[in-house]
Protein backbone atom coordinates (compact mmCIF):
# COMPACT_ATOMS: atom_id res chain seq x y z
CA UNK A 1 86.08 60.31 158.32
CA UNK A 2 84.97 63.79 157.96
CA UNK A 3 84.22 66.10 161.27
CA UNK A 4 79.83 66.16 162.37
CA UNK A 5 77.80 68.75 163.22
CA UNK A 6 75.43 69.38 165.53
CA UNK A 7 72.90 70.12 162.03
CA UNK A 8 74.06 67.19 161.12
CA UNK A 9 70.48 64.32 160.99
CA UNK A 10 72.67 61.30 160.00
CA UNK A 11 75.65 61.83 163.10
CA UNK A 12 74.57 59.48 166.13
CA UNK A 13 73.04 61.44 168.90
CA UNK A 14 75.65 61.16 171.18
CA UNK A 15 78.04 62.91 168.02
CA UNK A 16 75.18 65.58 167.54
CA UNK A 17 75.14 66.45 171.47
CA UNK A 18 78.78 66.18 172.02
CA UNK A 19 78.90 68.50 168.72
CA UNK A 20 76.52 71.58 170.44
CA UNK A 21 79.00 71.50 173.47
CA UNK A 22 81.88 72.21 171.39
CA UNK A 23 80.70 74.51 169.21
CA UNK A 24 80.47 76.54 172.92
CA UNK A 25 83.97 76.63 173.56
CA UNK A 26 84.29 77.40 169.74
CA UNK A 27 82.28 80.32 170.01
CA UNK A 28 83.48 81.75 173.58
CA UNK A 29 87.16 81.40 172.77
CA UNK A 30 86.75 82.75 169.24
CA UNK A 31 84.61 86.06 171.10
CA UNK A 32 86.97 86.19 173.61
CA UNK A 33 89.79 86.98 171.81
CA UNK A 34 87.71 90.01 170.09
CA UNK A 35 86.45 90.91 172.04
CA UNK A 36 89.23 91.91 173.87
CA UNK A 37 91.32 93.19 171.49
CA UNK A 38 88.15 95.68 171.43
CA UNK A 39 88.51 96.99 174.46
CA UNK A 40 90.21 100.84 174.95
CA UNK A 41 93.17 101.01 176.83
CA UNK A 42 92.79 102.25 180.25
CA UNK A 43 89.31 100.78 180.35
CA UNK A 44 89.61 98.62 183.46
CA UNK A 45 86.05 98.25 184.33
CA UNK A 46 85.83 96.38 181.15
CA UNK A 47 89.09 94.18 181.39
CA UNK A 48 87.82 92.91 184.41
CA UNK A 49 84.49 91.08 183.32
CA UNK A 50 86.24 89.82 180.18
CA UNK A 51 88.64 88.43 183.29
CA UNK A 52 85.68 87.01 184.71
CA UNK A 53 84.27 85.47 181.82
CA UNK A 54 87.59 83.92 180.98
CA UNK A 55 87.40 82.30 184.52
CA UNK A 56 83.89 80.63 183.96
CA UNK A 57 84.85 79.62 180.37
CA UNK A 58 88.14 77.97 181.96
CA UNK A 59 85.92 76.55 184.38
CA UNK A 60 83.45 74.78 181.83
CA UNK A 61 86.55 73.96 179.75
CA UNK A 62 88.13 72.10 182.65
CA UNK A 63 84.73 70.74 183.28
CA UNK A 64 84.17 69.17 180.16
CA UNK A 65 87.84 67.50 179.92
CA UNK A 66 87.83 66.34 182.81
CA UNK A 67 84.71 64.36 182.71
CA UNK A 68 85.88 62.38 179.30
CA UNK A 69 89.32 61.79 180.86
CA UNK A 70 87.77 60.41 183.63
CA UNK A 71 84.69 58.94 182.87
CA UNK A 72 84.11 58.81 179.21
CA UNK A 73 87.43 57.84 177.68
CA UNK A 74 87.85 55.00 180.00
CA UNK A 75 83.96 53.65 179.33
CA UNK A 76 86.07 53.55 175.44
CA UNK A 77 89.31 52.04 175.78
CA UNK A 78 88.11 48.44 176.97
CA UNK A 79 86.41 47.73 173.93
CA UNK A 80 90.01 48.96 171.28
CA UNK A 81 93.26 47.89 169.76
CA UNK A 82 94.67 49.64 167.28
CA UNK A 83 92.04 52.68 167.69
CA UNK A 84 92.79 52.87 171.54
CA UNK A 85 96.20 55.81 170.15
CA UNK A 86 93.63 57.96 169.37
CA UNK A 87 92.26 58.50 172.38
CA UNK A 88 95.34 58.83 174.53
CA UNK A 89 96.15 61.23 171.90
CA UNK A 90 92.43 63.48 172.74
CA UNK A 91 94.34 63.23 176.57
CA UNK A 92 97.79 64.04 175.66
CA UNK A 93 95.79 67.18 173.92
CA UNK A 94 93.90 68.19 176.81
CA UNK A 95 97.16 68.06 179.01
CA UNK A 96 98.52 70.95 175.69
CA UNK A 97 95.72 72.86 175.78
CA UNK A 98 95.87 73.30 179.87
CA UNK A 99 99.51 74.87 178.82
CA UNK A 100 98.20 77.48 177.09
CA UNK A 101 95.86 78.58 179.43
CA UNK A 102 97.72 78.46 182.08
CA UNK A 103 99.56 81.03 179.22
CA UNK A 104 96.64 82.95 178.74
CA UNK A 105 95.78 83.22 182.64
CA UNK A 106 98.74 84.71 183.53
CA UNK A 107 98.41 87.58 180.67
CA UNK A 108 95.24 88.17 181.63
CA UNK A 109 95.65 88.55 185.35
CA UNK A 110 98.36 91.43 184.16
CA UNK A 111 95.97 92.93 181.81
CA UNK A 112 93.39 93.49 184.10
CA UNK A 113 95.78 95.32 186.43
CA UNK A 114 95.60 98.60 183.76
CA UNK A 115 94.09 97.46 180.79
CA UNK A 116 97.05 98.55 178.84
CA UNK A 117 97.37 98.36 175.52
CA UNK A 118 100.67 96.60 174.83
CA UNK A 119 99.01 93.47 177.31
CA UNK A 120 96.03 94.00 175.43
CA UNK A 121 97.97 92.98 172.17
CA UNK A 122 100.04 90.67 173.81
CA UNK A 123 97.02 88.65 175.64
CA UNK A 124 94.52 88.63 172.20
CA UNK A 125 97.34 87.14 170.50
CA UNK A 126 97.80 84.29 173.05
CA UNK A 127 93.29 83.86 173.20
CA UNK A 128 94.09 83.44 169.61
CA UNK A 129 96.21 80.82 169.51
CA UNK A 130 93.98 79.36 172.43
CA UNK A 131 91.31 79.20 169.86
CA UNK A 132 93.23 77.98 167.26
CA UNK A 133 94.41 74.55 169.49
CA UNK A 134 90.75 73.87 170.41
CA UNK A 135 88.95 73.94 168.07
CA UNK A 136 91.84 71.60 165.95
CA UNK A 137 91.55 69.43 169.28
CA UNK A 138 87.67 69.60 168.83
CA UNK A 139 88.22 69.13 165.01
CA UNK A 140 89.89 65.33 165.71
CA UNK A 141 87.45 64.08 168.61
CA UNK A 142 84.69 64.55 166.74
CA UNK A 143 86.03 63.36 163.11
CA UNK A 144 88.17 60.03 164.65
CA UNK A 145 87.18 59.57 168.16
CA UNK A 146 83.45 60.63 168.76
CA UNK A 147 82.03 57.64 165.89
CA UNK A 148 83.77 54.99 168.66
CA UNK A 149 82.32 56.60 171.34
CA UNK A 150 78.85 56.24 169.15
CA UNK A 151 80.05 52.23 168.95
CA UNK A 152 81.01 51.35 171.97
CA UNK A 153 79.79 53.86 174.90
CA UNK A 154 76.34 52.07 176.78
CA UNK A 155 73.61 55.17 177.53
CA UNK A 156 74.13 54.66 181.02
CA UNK A 157 77.97 55.94 180.53
CA UNK A 158 77.22 58.47 178.23
CA UNK A 159 74.85 59.81 180.94
CA UNK A 160 77.35 59.55 183.59
CA UNK A 161 79.67 62.13 181.94
CA UNK A 162 76.77 64.54 181.20
CA UNK A 163 75.73 64.54 185.09
CA UNK A 164 79.04 64.88 185.90
CA UNK A 165 79.76 68.31 183.65
CA UNK A 166 76.38 69.46 185.82
CA UNK A 167 76.62 68.29 189.14
CA UNK A 168 80.40 71.10 188.36
CA UNK A 169 78.03 73.39 187.53
CA UNK A 170 77.40 76.60 189.94
CA UNK A 171 73.35 76.71 190.95
CA UNK A 172 73.16 79.84 189.88
CA UNK A 173 74.86 79.12 185.94
CA UNK A 174 72.35 76.56 185.20
CA UNK A 175 70.24 78.93 182.59
CA UNK A 176 73.91 80.80 181.64
CA UNK A 177 75.20 77.29 180.57
CA UNK A 178 71.80 76.35 179.26
CA UNK A 179 71.51 78.91 177.01
CA UNK A 180 75.02 78.63 175.70
CA UNK A 181 74.55 75.23 174.52
CA UNK A 182 71.26 76.47 173.07
CA UNK A 183 72.44 79.69 171.23
CA UNK A 184 73.77 78.61 167.83
CA UNK A 185 71.32 75.40 167.52
CA UNK A 186 68.37 75.07 164.98
CA UNK A 187 64.74 75.11 166.53
CA UNK A 188 64.89 70.80 165.25
CA UNK A 189 68.09 71.11 167.55
CA UNK A 190 66.56 73.20 170.52
CA UNK A 191 63.26 70.91 170.67
CA UNK A 192 65.46 67.77 170.99
CA UNK A 193 67.49 68.87 173.15
CA UNK A 194 65.23 70.44 175.88
CA UNK A 195 63.00 67.38 175.36
CA UNK A 196 65.51 65.43 177.25
CA UNK A 197 65.54 67.54 180.46
CA UNK A 198 63.39 67.49 183.54
CA UNK A 199 60.06 69.16 183.11
CA UNK A 200 60.71 72.18 185.91
CA UNK A 201 64.52 72.75 184.16
CA UNK A 202 62.04 73.65 181.15
CA UNK A 203 59.46 75.38 182.77
CA UNK A 204 62.42 78.20 184.19
CA UNK A 205 64.27 78.08 181.31
CA UNK A 206 60.91 79.66 179.77
CA UNK A 207 59.81 81.40 182.75
CA UNK A 208 63.88 82.91 183.66
CA UNK A 209 66.49 81.36 181.98
CA UNK A 210 66.15 82.99 178.72
CA UNK A 211 66.08 86.55 180.38
CA UNK A 212 69.29 85.68 182.44
CA UNK A 213 71.06 84.84 179.03
CA UNK A 214 70.06 87.42 177.27
CA UNK A 215 71.43 89.66 180.38
CA UNK A 216 74.72 87.53 180.74
CA UNK A 217 75.47 87.98 176.51
CA UNK A 218 75.06 91.92 176.01
CA UNK A 219 77.18 92.11 180.27
CA UNK A 220 80.13 90.22 178.28
CA UNK A 221 79.76 91.14 174.56
CA UNK A 222 79.27 94.80 175.68
CA UNK A 223 78.47 96.64 171.79
CA UNK A 224 79.02 93.33 170.01
CA UNK A 225 74.91 91.52 170.95
CA UNK A 226 75.32 88.46 169.04
CA UNK A 227 78.18 85.95 168.64
């Protein structure tokens, strides 16, 4: 099997939606390494900004993986036999990723204090390792496990996973989270995703959310205004 992408019109709707969410983590983990590497020695203000962005990123990634571990995999496993090993491998990879995140956090805390060049370089390398490890995990999940989810998980169970993630997102970050999902989508994907949202959410995105997301990405990315 091959990894599905959000733009693949033949993919199951669950698979397309998961690919859109995964693209956020692929993009932001890559950008974090690049942005950290670009910081001038001694620029502690910039280091604090990126440390805060890393914190938001890890909160989102943890919520995503916890939702899978606690809601999605338990809904899927009763339908599987030998394929259960692939799902259990996802749980193990989540734990391995947690170890890499802990390593980055230690280095991030050290770097943000004085923004030393040697600390920056060590941190950027740890972030690159995290990005590679994460992408390998997401690729395998989309290739091996999402076809099983599409076959065996019903709509109510799938919605419960999404509602769990929504409930764990701070209210003042909801539009930023939406913008992060929509950033790399095609116009068709964007329309499809937005039509599934309540009308008030769509109105808020149009009136305020787009500007809020642009401000956030400018603040975090600085001169690198695009991904």
